[in-house]
PDB file of N, CA and C in Angstrom:
ATOM      1  N   MET A   1      56.774 101.733 176.755  1.00  0.00           N
ATOM      2  CA  MET A   1      57.177 100.629 175.890  1.00  0.00           C
ATOM      3  C   MET A   1      56.705 100.918 174.464  1.00  0.00           C
ATOM      4  N   PRO A   2      57.613 100.860 173.462  1.00  0.00           N
ATOM      5  CA  PRO A   2      57.223 101.167 172.081  1.00  0.00           C
ATOM      6  C   PRO A   2      56.294 100.099 171.511  1.00  0.00           C
ATOM      7  N   ASN A   3      55.383 100.531 170.669  1.00  0.00           N
ATOM      8  CA  ASN A   3      54.467  99.628 169.993  1.00  0.00           C
ATOM      9  C   ASN A   3      55.202  98.941 168.853  1.00  0.00           C
ATOM     10  N   LYS A   4      55.236  97.609 168.828  1.00  0.00           N
ATOM     11  CA  LYS A   4      55.977  96.885 167.803  1.00  0.00           C
ATOM     12  C   LYS A   4      55.320  96.969 166.431  1.00  0.00           C
ATOM     13  N   ASN A   5      54.072  97.414 166.368  1.00  0.00           N
ATOM     14  CA  ASN A   5      53.367  97.556 165.097  1.00  0.00           C
ATOM     15  C   ASN A   5      53.568  98.922 164.462  1.00  0.00           C
ATOM     16  N   THR A   6      54.275  99.821 165.131  1.00  0.00           N
ATOM     17  CA  THR A   6      54.537 101.143 164.599  1.00  0.00           C
ATOM     18  C   THR A   6      55.570 101.056 163.481  1.00  0.00           C
ATOM     19  N   ILE A   7      55.274 101.708 162.371  1.00  0.00           N
ATOM     20  CA  ILE A   7      56.195 101.701 161.240  1.00  0.00           C
ATOM     21  C   ILE A   7      57.184 102.839 161.410  1.00  0.00           C
ATOM     22  N   SER A   8      58.460 102.518 161.276  1.00  0.00           N
ATOM     23  CA  SER A   8      59.506 103.535 161.346  1.00  0.00           C
ATOM     24  C   SER A   8      59.984 103.848 159.937  1.00  0.00           C
ATOM     25  N   PHE A   9      60.074 105.119 159.609  1.00  0.00           N
ATOM     26  CA  PHE A   9      60.545 105.523 158.289  1.00  0.00           C
ATOM     27  C   PHE A   9      61.998 105.976 158.324  1.00  0.00           C
ATOM     28  N   PHE A  10      62.663 105.743 159.434  1.00  0.00           N
ATOM     29  CA  PHE A  10      64.048 106.157 159.559  1.00  0.00           C
ATOM     30  C   PHE A  10      64.956 104.964 159.301  1.00  0.00           C
ATOM     31  N   GLY A  11      65.978 105.174 158.507  1.00  0.00           N
ATOM     32  CA  GLY A  11      66.945 104.124 158.239  1.00  0.00           C
ATOM     33  C   GLY A  11      66.498 103.185 157.131  1.00  0.00           C
ATOM     34  N   PRO A  12      67.367 102.260 156.770  1.00  0.00           N
ATOM     35  CA  PRO A  12      67.100 101.350 155.658  1.00  0.00           C
ATOM     36  C   PRO A  12      66.054 100.293 156.007  1.00  0.00           C
ATOM     37  N   ALA A  13      65.374  99.823 154.958  1.00  0.00           N
ATOM     38  CA  ALA A  13      64.365  98.778 155.126  1.00  0.00           C
ATOM     39  C   ALA A  13      64.097  98.126 153.777  1.00  0.00           C
ATOM     40  N   TYR A  14      63.506  96.948 153.812  1.00  0.00           N
ATOM     41  CA  TYR A  14      63.064  96.255 152.604  1.00  0.00           C
ATOM     42  C   TYR A  14      61.564  96.449 152.453  1.00  0.00           C
ATOM     43  N   TYR A  15      61.122  96.657 151.208  1.00  0.00           N
ATOM     44  CA  TYR A  15      59.711  96.836 150.913  1.00  0.00           C
ATOM     45  C   TYR A  15      59.311  95.910 149.778  1.00  0.00           C
ATOM     46  N   GLU A  16      58.108  95.341 149.909  1.00  0.00           N
ATOM     47  CA  GLU A  16      57.493  94.609 148.803  1.00  0.00           C
ATOM     48  C   GLU A  16      56.491  95.557 148.169  1.00  0.00           C
ATOM     49  N   ILE A  17      56.645  95.773 146.870  1.00  0.00           N
ATOM     50  CA  ILE A  17      55.778  96.697 146.152  1.00  0.00           C
ATOM     51  C   ILE A  17      55.097  95.929 145.031  1.00  0.00           C
ATOM     52  N   LYS A  18      53.783  96.078 144.935  1.00  0.00           N
ATOM     53  CA  LYS A  18      53.010  95.438 143.869  1.00  0.00           C
ATOM     54  C   LYS A  18      52.426  96.526 142.984  1.00  0.00           C
ATOM     55  N   ILE A  19      52.614  96.339 141.679  1.00  0.00           N
ATOM     56  CA  ILE A  19      52.090  97.306 140.713  1.00  0.00           C
ATOM     57  C   ILE A  19      51.279  96.571 139.659  1.00  0.00           C
ATOM     58  N   ARG A  20      50.429  97.316 139.001  1.00  0.00           N
ATOM     59  CA  ARG A  20      49.689  96.774 137.866  1.00  0.00           C
ATOM     60  C   ARG A  20      50.519  97.043 136.622  1.00  0.00           C
ATOM     61  N   GLY A  21      50.904  95.999 135.931  1.00  0.00           N
ATOM     62  CA  GLY A  21      51.719  96.128 134.730  1.00  0.00           C
ATOM     63  C   GLY A  21      53.043  95.401 134.893  1.00  0.00           C
ATOM     64  N   GLN A  22      53.885  95.566 133.895  1.00  0.00           N
ATOM     65  CA  GLN A  22      55.189  94.913 133.879  1.00  0.00           C
ATOM     66  C   GLN A  22      56.292  95.959 133.955  1.00  0.00           C
ATOM     67  N   LEU A  23      57.385  95.580 134.597  1.00  0.00           N
ATOM     68  CA  LEU A  23      58.554  96.458 134.654  1.00  0.00           C
ATOM     69  C   LEU A  23      59.515  96.097 133.535  1.00  0.00           C
ATOM     70  N   HIS A  24      60.001  97.092 132.839  1.00  0.00           N
ATOM     71  CA  HIS A  24      60.987  96.890 131.780  1.00  0.00           C
ATOM     72  C   HIS A  24      62.322  96.489 132.400  1.00  0.00           C
ATOM     73  N   GLU A  25      63.107  95.713 131.664  1.00  0.00           N
ATOM     74  CA  GLU A  25      64.418  95.248 132.155  1.00  0.00           C
ATOM     75  C   GLU A  25      65.306  96.387 132.631  1.00  0.00           C
ATOM     76  N   SER A  26      65.253  97.541 131.957  1.00  0.00           N
ATOM     77  CA  SER A  26      66.102  98.670 132.353  1.00  0.00           C
ATOM     78  C   SER A  26      65.738  99.182 133.746  1.00  0.00           C
ATOM     79  N   ILE A  27      64.458  99.111 134.102  1.00  0.00           N
ATOM     80  CA  ILE A  27      64.041  99.538 135.440  1.00  0.00           C
ATOM     81  C   ILE A  27      64.589  98.571 136.478  1.00  0.00           C
ATOM     82  N   LEU A  28      64.534  97.276 136.161  1.00  0.00           N
ATOM     83  CA  LEU A  28      65.055  96.266 137.086  1.00  0.00           C
ATOM     84  C   LEU A  28      66.540  96.483 137.343  1.00  0.00           C
ATOM     85  N   GLU A  29      67.274  96.889 136.312  1.00  0.00           N
ATOM     86  CA  GLU A  29      68.716  97.100 136.440  1.00  0.00           C
ATOM     87  C   GLU A  29      69.051  98.386 137.199  1.00  0.00           C
ATOM     88  N   ASN A  30      68.214  99.413 137.074  1.00  0.00           N
ATOM     89  CA  ASN A  30      68.498 100.707 137.698  1.00  0.00           C
ATOM     90  C   ASN A  30      68.235 100.739 139.192  1.00  0.00           C
ATOM     91  N   PHE A  31      67.362  99.869 139.675  1.00  0.00           N
ATOM     92  CA  PHE A  31      67.038  99.829 141.095  1.00  0.00           C
ATOM     93  C   PHE A  31      67.642  98.578 141.715  1.00  0.00           C
ATOM     94  N   ASN A  32      67.819  98.600 142.997  1.00  0.00           N
ATOM     95  CA  ASN A  32      68.377  97.463 143.731  1.00  0.00           C
ATOM     96  C   ASN A  32      67.263  96.473 144.069  1.00  0.00           C
ATOM     97  N   ILE A  33      66.667  95.875 143.032  1.00  0.00           N
ATOM     98  CA  ILE A  33      65.544  94.960 143.225  1.00  0.00           C
ATOM     99  C   ILE A  33      66.076  93.587 143.605  1.00  0.00           C
ATOM    100  N   THR A  34      65.600  93.094 144.750  1.00  0.00           N
ATOM    101  CA  THR A  34      66.061  91.820 145.291  1.00  0.00           C
ATOM    102  C   THR A  34      65.265  90.649 144.724  1.00  0.00           C
ATOM    103  N   GLN A  35      63.954  90.815 144.612  1.00  0.00           N
ATOM    104  CA  GLN A  35      63.080  89.780 144.057  1.00  0.00           C
ATOM    105  C   GLN A  35      62.099  90.431 143.108  1.00  0.00           C
ATOM    106  N   TYR A  36      61.739  89.718 142.027  1.00  0.00           N
ATOM    107  CA  TYR A  36      60.780  90.236 141.060  1.00  0.00           C
ATOM    108  C   TYR A  36      59.955  89.085 140.515  1.00  0.00           C
ATOM    109  N   ILE A  37      58.630  89.229 140.576  1.00  0.00           N
ATOM    110  CA  ILE A  37      57.718  88.201 140.070  1.00  0.00           C
ATOM    111  C   ILE A  37      56.604  88.886 139.299  1.00  0.00           C
ATOM    112  N   GLU A  38      56.294  88.358 138.109  1.00  0.00           N
ATOM    113  CA  GLU A  38      55.161  88.831 137.314  1.00  0.00           C
ATOM    114  C   GLU A  38      54.127  87.713 137.244  1.00  0.00           C
ATOM    115  N   LYS A  39      52.867  88.080 137.413  1.00  0.00           N
ATOM    116  CA  LYS A  39      51.774  87.111 137.268  1.00  0.00           C
ATOM    117  C   LYS A  39      50.603  87.812 136.599  1.00  0.00           C
ATOM    118  N   LYS A  40      49.802  87.028 135.861  1.00  0.00           N
ATOM    119  CA  LYS A  40      48.577  87.560 135.285  1.00  0.00           C
ATOM    120  C   LYS A  40      47.432  87.301 136.245  1.00  0.00           C
ATOM    121  N   ASN A  41      46.563  88.302 136.411  1.00  0.00           N
ATOM    122  CA  ASN A  41      45.393  88.091 137.256  1.00  0.00           C
ATOM    123  C   ASN A  41      44.241  87.545 136.421  1.00  0.00           C
ATOM    124  N   ASP A  42      43.099  87.333 137.035  1.00  0.00           N
ATOM    125  CA  ASP A  42      41.945  86.753 136.338  1.00  0.00           C
ATOM    126  C   ASP A  42      41.421  87.638 135.206  1.00  0.00           C
ATOM    127  N   GLU A  43      41.693  88.939 135.289  1.00  0.00           N
ATOM    128  CA  GLU A  43      41.243  89.874 134.260  1.00  0.00           C
ATOM    129  C   GLU A  43      42.237  89.983 133.108  1.00  0.00           C
ATOM    130  N   GLY A  44      43.358  89.269 133.189  1.00  0.00           N
ATOM    131  CA  GLY A  44      44.353  89.284 132.120  1.00  0.00           C
ATOM    132  C   GLY A  44      45.414  90.355 132.252  1.00  0.00           C
ATOM    133  N   TYR A  45      45.392  91.108 133.350  1.00  0.00           N
ATOM    134  CA  TYR A  45      46.402  92.140 133.584  1.00  0.00           C
ATOM    135  C   TYR A  45      47.586  91.548 134.335  1.00  0.00           C
ATOM    136  N   TYR A  46      48.761  92.057 134.034  1.00  0.00           N
ATOM    137  CA  TYR A  46      49.946  91.648 134.791  1.00  0.00           C
ATOM    138  C   TYR A  46      50.002  92.385 136.113  1.00  0.00           C
ATOM    139  N   ILE A  47      50.343  91.668 137.160  1.00  0.00           N
ATOM    140  CA  ILE A  47      50.654  92.231 138.469  1.00  0.00           C
ATOM    141  C   ILE A  47      52.118  91.899 138.735  1.00  0.00           C
ATOM    142  N   SER A  48      52.922  92.915 138.894  1.00  0.00           N
ATOM    143  CA  SER A  48      54.345  92.729 139.169  1.00  0.00           C
ATOM    144  C   SER A  48      54.592  92.993 140.641  1.00  0.00           C
ATOM    145  N   SER A  49      55.326  92.103 141.262  1.00  0.00           N
ATOM    146  CA  SER A  49      55.671  92.227 142.673  1.00  0.00           C
ATOM    147  C   SER A  49      57.185  92.240 142.771  1.00  0.00           C
ATOM    148  N   PHE A  50      57.720  93.218 143.505  1.00  0.00           N
ATOM    149  CA  PHE A  50      59.169  93.245 143.668  1.00  0.00           C
ATOM    150  C   PHE A  50      59.544  93.667 145.069  1.00  0.00           C
ATOM    151  N   VAL A  51      60.709  93.196 145.492  1.00  0.00           N
ATOM    152  CA  VAL A  51      61.269  93.554 146.790  1.00  0.00           C
ATOM    153  C   VAL A  51      62.475  94.426 146.523  1.00  0.00           C
ATOM    154  N   ILE A  52      62.559  95.519 147.265  1.00  0.00           N
ATOM    155  CA  ILE A  52      63.635  96.476 147.053  1.00  0.00           C
ATOM    156  C   ILE A  52      64.147  96.988 148.390  1.00  0.00           C
ATOM    157  N   HIS A  53      65.449  97.227 148.450  1.00  0.00           N
ATOM    158  CA  HIS A  53      66.064  97.784 149.648  1.00  0.00           C
ATOM    159  C   HIS A  53      66.073  99.299 149.502  1.00  0.00           C
ATOM    160  N   ILE A  54      65.468  99.989 150.471  1.00  0.00           N
ATOM    161  CA  ILE A  54      65.343 101.443 150.445  1.00  0.00           C
ATOM    162  C   ILE A  54      66.120 102.004 151.634  1.00  0.00           C
ATOM    163  N   ILE A  55      66.924 103.049 151.399  1.00  0.00           N
ATOM    164  CA  ILE A  55      67.784 103.552 152.478  1.00  0.00           C
ATOM    165  C   ILE A  55      67.066 104.459 153.470  1.00  0.00           C
ATOM    166  N   ASP A  56      66.005 105.166 153.027  1.00  0.00           N
ATOM    167  CA  ASP A  56      65.281 106.031 153.949  1.00  0.00           C
ATOM    168  C   ASP A  56      63.967 106.473 153.313  1.00  0.00           C
ATOM    169  N   GLN A  57      63.215 107.296 154.033  1.00  0.00           N
ATOM    170  CA  GLN A  57      61.905 107.731 153.572  1.00  0.00           C
ATOM    171  C   GLN A  57      61.999 108.555 152.285  1.00  0.00           C
ATOM    172  N   ALA A  58      63.033 109.356 152.150  1.00  0.00           N
ATOM    173  CA  ALA A  58      63.196 110.163 150.937  1.00  0.00           C
ATOM    174  C   ALA A  58      63.385 109.272 149.711  1.00  0.00           C
ATOM    175  N   ALA A  59      64.152 108.196 149.862  1.00  0.00           N
ATOM    176  CA  ALA A  59      64.363 107.266 148.750  1.00  0.00           C
ATOM    177  C   ALA A  59      63.068 106.538 148.396  1.00  0.00           C
ATOM    178  N   LEU A  60      62.273 106.184 149.399  1.00  0.00           N
ATOM    179  CA  LEU A  60      60.984 105.538 149.151  1.00  0.00           C
ATOM    180  C   LEU A  60      60.063 106.490 148.393  1.00  0.00           C
ATOM    181  N   SER A  61      60.032 107.737 148.804  1.00  0.00           N
ATOM    182  CA  SER A  61      59.224 108.748 148.119  1.00  0.00           C
ATOM    183  C   SER A  61      59.685 108.917 146.674  1.00  0.00           C
ATOM    184  N   GLY A  62      61.001 108.930 146.458  1.00  0.00           N
ATOM    185  CA  GLY A  62      61.543 109.046 145.103  1.00  0.00           C
ATOM    186  C   GLY A  62      61.142 107.874 144.229  1.00  0.00           C
ATOM    187  N   LEU A  63      61.173 106.663 144.794  1.00  0.00           N
ATOM    188  CA  LEU A  63      60.766 105.477 144.038  1.00  0.00           C
ATOM    189  C   LEU A  63      59.290 105.561 143.667  1.00  0.00           C
ATOM    190  N   ILE A  64      58.457 105.954 144.612  1.00  0.00           N
ATOM    191  CA  ILE A  64      57.025 106.098 144.337  1.00  0.00           C
ATOM    192  C   ILE A  64      56.799 107.123 143.228  1.00  0.00           C
ATOM    193  N   ASN A  65      57.522 108.233 143.276  1.00  0.00           N
ATOM    194  CA  ASN A  65      57.410 109.254 142.221  1.00  0.00           C
ATOM    195  C   ASN A  65      57.857 108.711 140.867  1.00  0.00           C
ATOM    196  N   ASN A  66      58.934 107.919 140.850  1.00  0.00           N
ATOM    197  CA  ASN A  66      59.399 107.315 139.597  1.00  0.00           C
ATOM    198  C   ASN A  66      58.352 106.379 139.012  1.00  0.00           C
ATOM    199  N   LEU A  67      57.730 105.553 139.855  1.00  0.00           N
ATOM    200  CA  LEU A  67      56.683 104.650 139.375  1.00  0.00           C
ATOM    201  C   LEU A  67      55.494 105.444 138.830  1.00  0.00           C
ATOM    202  N   PHE A  68      55.140 106.533 139.517  1.00  0.00           N
ATOM    203  CA  PHE A  68      54.059 107.396 139.054  1.00  0.00           C
ATOM    204  C   PHE A  68      54.410 108.008 137.692  1.00  0.00           C
ATOM    205  N   ASN A  69      55.639 108.495 137.541  1.00  0.00           N
ATOM    206  CA  ASN A  69      56.068 109.098 136.274  1.00  0.00           C
ATOM    207  C   ASN A  69      56.074 108.089 135.126  1.00  0.00           C
ATOM    208  N   LEU A  70      56.257 106.808 135.460  1.00  0.00           N
ATOM    209  CA  LEU A  70      56.203 105.743 134.448  1.00  0.00           C
ATOM    210  C   LEU A  70      54.767 105.299 134.178  1.00  0.00           C
ATOM    211  N   LYS A  71      53.802 105.966 134.834  1.00  0.00           N
ATOM    212  CA  LYS A  71      52.378 105.686 134.684  1.00  0.00           C
ATOM    213  C   LYS A  71      52.019 104.264 135.118  1.00  0.00           C
ATOM    214  N   LEU A  72      52.674 103.802 136.183  1.00  0.00           N
ATOM    215  CA  LEU A  72      52.393 102.487 136.750  1.00  0.00           C
ATOM    216  C   LEU A  72      51.516 102.655 137.988  1.00  0.00           C
ATOM    217  N   SER A  73      50.455 101.878 138.071  1.00  0.00           N
ATOM    218  CA  SER A  73      49.548 101.933 139.224  1.00  0.00           C
ATOM    219  C   SER A  73      50.092 101.077 140.351  1.00  0.00           C
ATOM    220  N   ILE A  74      50.232 101.668 141.521  1.00  0.00           N
ATOM    221  CA  ILE A  74      50.726 100.944 142.685  1.00  0.00           C
ATOM    222  C   ILE A  74      49.539 100.290 143.389  1.00  0.00           C
ATOM    223  N   ASN A  75      49.608  98.957 143.536  1.00  0.00           N
ATOM    224  CA  ASN A  75      48.556  98.237 144.252  1.00  0.00           C
ATOM    225  C   ASN A  75      48.821  98.221 145.748  1.00  0.00           C
ATOM    226  N   SER A  76      50.094  98.023 146.137  1.00  0.00           N
ATOM    227  CA  SER A  76      50.409  97.991 147.567  1.00  0.00           C
ATOM    228  C   SER A  76      51.900  98.212 147.798  1.00  0.00           C
ATOM    229  N   ILE A  77      52.207  98.716 148.988  1.00  0.00           N
ATOM    230  CA  ILE A  77      53.577  98.864 149.465  1.00  0.00           C
ATOM    231  C   ILE A  77      53.588  98.326 150.885  1.00  0.00           C
ATOM    232  N   ARG A  78      54.488  97.390 151.147  1.00  0.00           N
ATOM    233  CA  ARG A  78      54.518  96.749 152.460  1.00  0.00           C
ATOM    234  C   ARG A  78      55.956  96.599 152.928  1.00  0.00           C
ATOM    235  N   LYS A  79      56.245  97.060 154.136  1.00  0.00           N
ATOM    236  CA  LYS A  79      57.565  96.885 154.733  1.00  0.00           C
ATOM    237  C   LYS A  79      57.694  95.429 155.178  1.00  0.00           C
ATOM    238  N   ILE A  80      58.832  94.793 154.834  1.00  0.00           N
ATOM    239  CA  ILE A  80      59.010  93.373 155.138  1.00  0.00           C
ATOM    240  C   ILE A  80      60.366  93.134 155.799  1.00  0.00           C
ATOM    241  N   ASP A  81      60.545  91.914 156.318  1.00  0.00           N
ATOM    242  CA  ASP A  81      61.850  91.491 156.811  1.00  0.00           C
ATOM    243  C   ASP A  81      62.777  91.273 155.628  1.00  0.00           C
ATOM    244  N   ARG A  82      64.051  91.181 155.891  1.00  0.00           N
ATOM    245  CA  ARG A  82      65.045  90.972 154.837  1.00  0.00           C
ATOM    246  C   ARG A  82      64.737  89.701 154.049  1.00  0.00           C
ATOM    247  N   PRO A  83      64.690  89.783 152.701  1.00  0.00           N
ATOM    248  CA  PRO A  83      64.419  88.591 151.891  1.00  0.00           C
ATOM    249  C   PRO A  83      65.586  87.611 151.941  1.00  0.00           C
ATOM    250  N   LYS A  84      65.288  86.339 151.683  1.00  0.00           N
ATOM    251  CA  LYS A  84      66.297  85.295 151.790  1.00  0.00           C
ATOM    252  C   LYS A  84      67.229  85.233 150.582  1.00  0.00           C
ATOM    253  N   THR A  85      66.695  85.335 149.376  1.00  0.00           N
ATOM    254  CA  THR A  85      67.508  85.178 148.175  1.00  0.00           C
ATOM    255  C   THR A  85      67.130  86.208 147.128  1.00  0.00           C
ATOM    256  N   LYS A  86      68.008  86.336 146.140  1.00  0.00           N
ATOM    257  CA  LYS A  86      67.736  87.191 144.997  1.00  0.00           C
ATOM    258  C   LYS A  86      67.051  86.331 143.946  1.00  0.00           C
ATOM    259  N   ASN A  87      65.884  86.779 143.463  1.00  0.00           N
ATOM    260  CA  ASN A  87      65.081  85.965 142.561  1.00  0.00           C
ATOM    261  C   ASN A  87      64.351  86.870 141.583  1.00  0.00           C
ATOM    262  N   HIS A  88      64.434  86.533 140.310  1.00  0.00           N
ATOM    263  CA  HIS A  88      63.687  87.236 139.278  1.00  0.00           C
ATOM    264  C   HIS A  88      62.957  86.184 138.443  1.00  0.00           C
ATOM    265  N   SER A  89      61.631  86.278 138.360  1.00  0.00           N
ATOM    266  CA  SER A  89      60.913  85.302 137.552  1.00  0.00           C
ATOM    267  C   SER A  89      59.671  85.925 136.952  1.00  0.00           C
ATOM    268  N   LYS A  90      59.281  85.349 135.836  1.00  0.00           N
ATOM    269  CA  LYS A  90      58.039  85.729 135.185  1.00  0.00           C
ATOM    270  C   LYS A  90      57.176  84.487 135.190  1.00  0.00           C
ATOM    271  N   ALA A  91      55.999  84.595 135.779  1.00  0.00           N
ATOM    272  CA  ALA A  91      55.108  83.448 135.885  1.00  0.00           C
ATOM    273  C   ALA A  91      53.817  83.737 135.155  1.00  0.00           C
ATOM    274  N   ASN A  92      53.236  82.712 134.583  1.00  0.00           N
ATOM    275  CA  ASN A  92      51.937  82.859 133.937  1.00  0.00           C
ATOM    276  C   ASN A  92      50.827  82.426 134.871  1.00  0.00           C
ATOM    277  N   ASN A  93      51.148  82.266 136.153  1.00  0.00           N
ATOM    278  CA  ASN A  93      50.150  81.887 137.140  1.00  0.00           C
ATOM    279  C   ASN A  93      49.177  83.022 137.334  1.00  0.00           C
ATOM    280  N   LYS A  94      47.970  82.663 137.710  1.00  0.00           N
ATOM    281  CA  LYS A  94      46.960  83.674 138.031  1.00  0.00           C
ATOM    282  C   LYS A  94      47.160  84.165 139.443  1.00  0.00           C
ATOM    283  N   VAL A  95      46.871  85.455 139.664  1.00  0.00           N
ATOM    284  CA  VAL A  95      46.993  86.047 140.995  1.00  0.00           C
ATOM    285  C   VAL A  95      45.692  85.825 141.738  1.00  0.00           C
TER     286      VAL A  95
END
């Protein structure tokens, strides 16, 4: 019986990615970002969270490399269920 907690890197999936900093509008347009939220943390830094549909492991690796090339620090990457709606917002709430 397969373990339901095992992560599969085959096939498409949605990922929530959190980075330190803000994403420029052109980046939002170039990727298939489903949800995007910016918040300031207690230290005054922006934490950007976005949900993106990735077709396979190679595409996920490419996205990570693109974020690295943009000098953005990745806080977390988490595989999630399909998001409900498309949402883009900038919030001044603290993280």
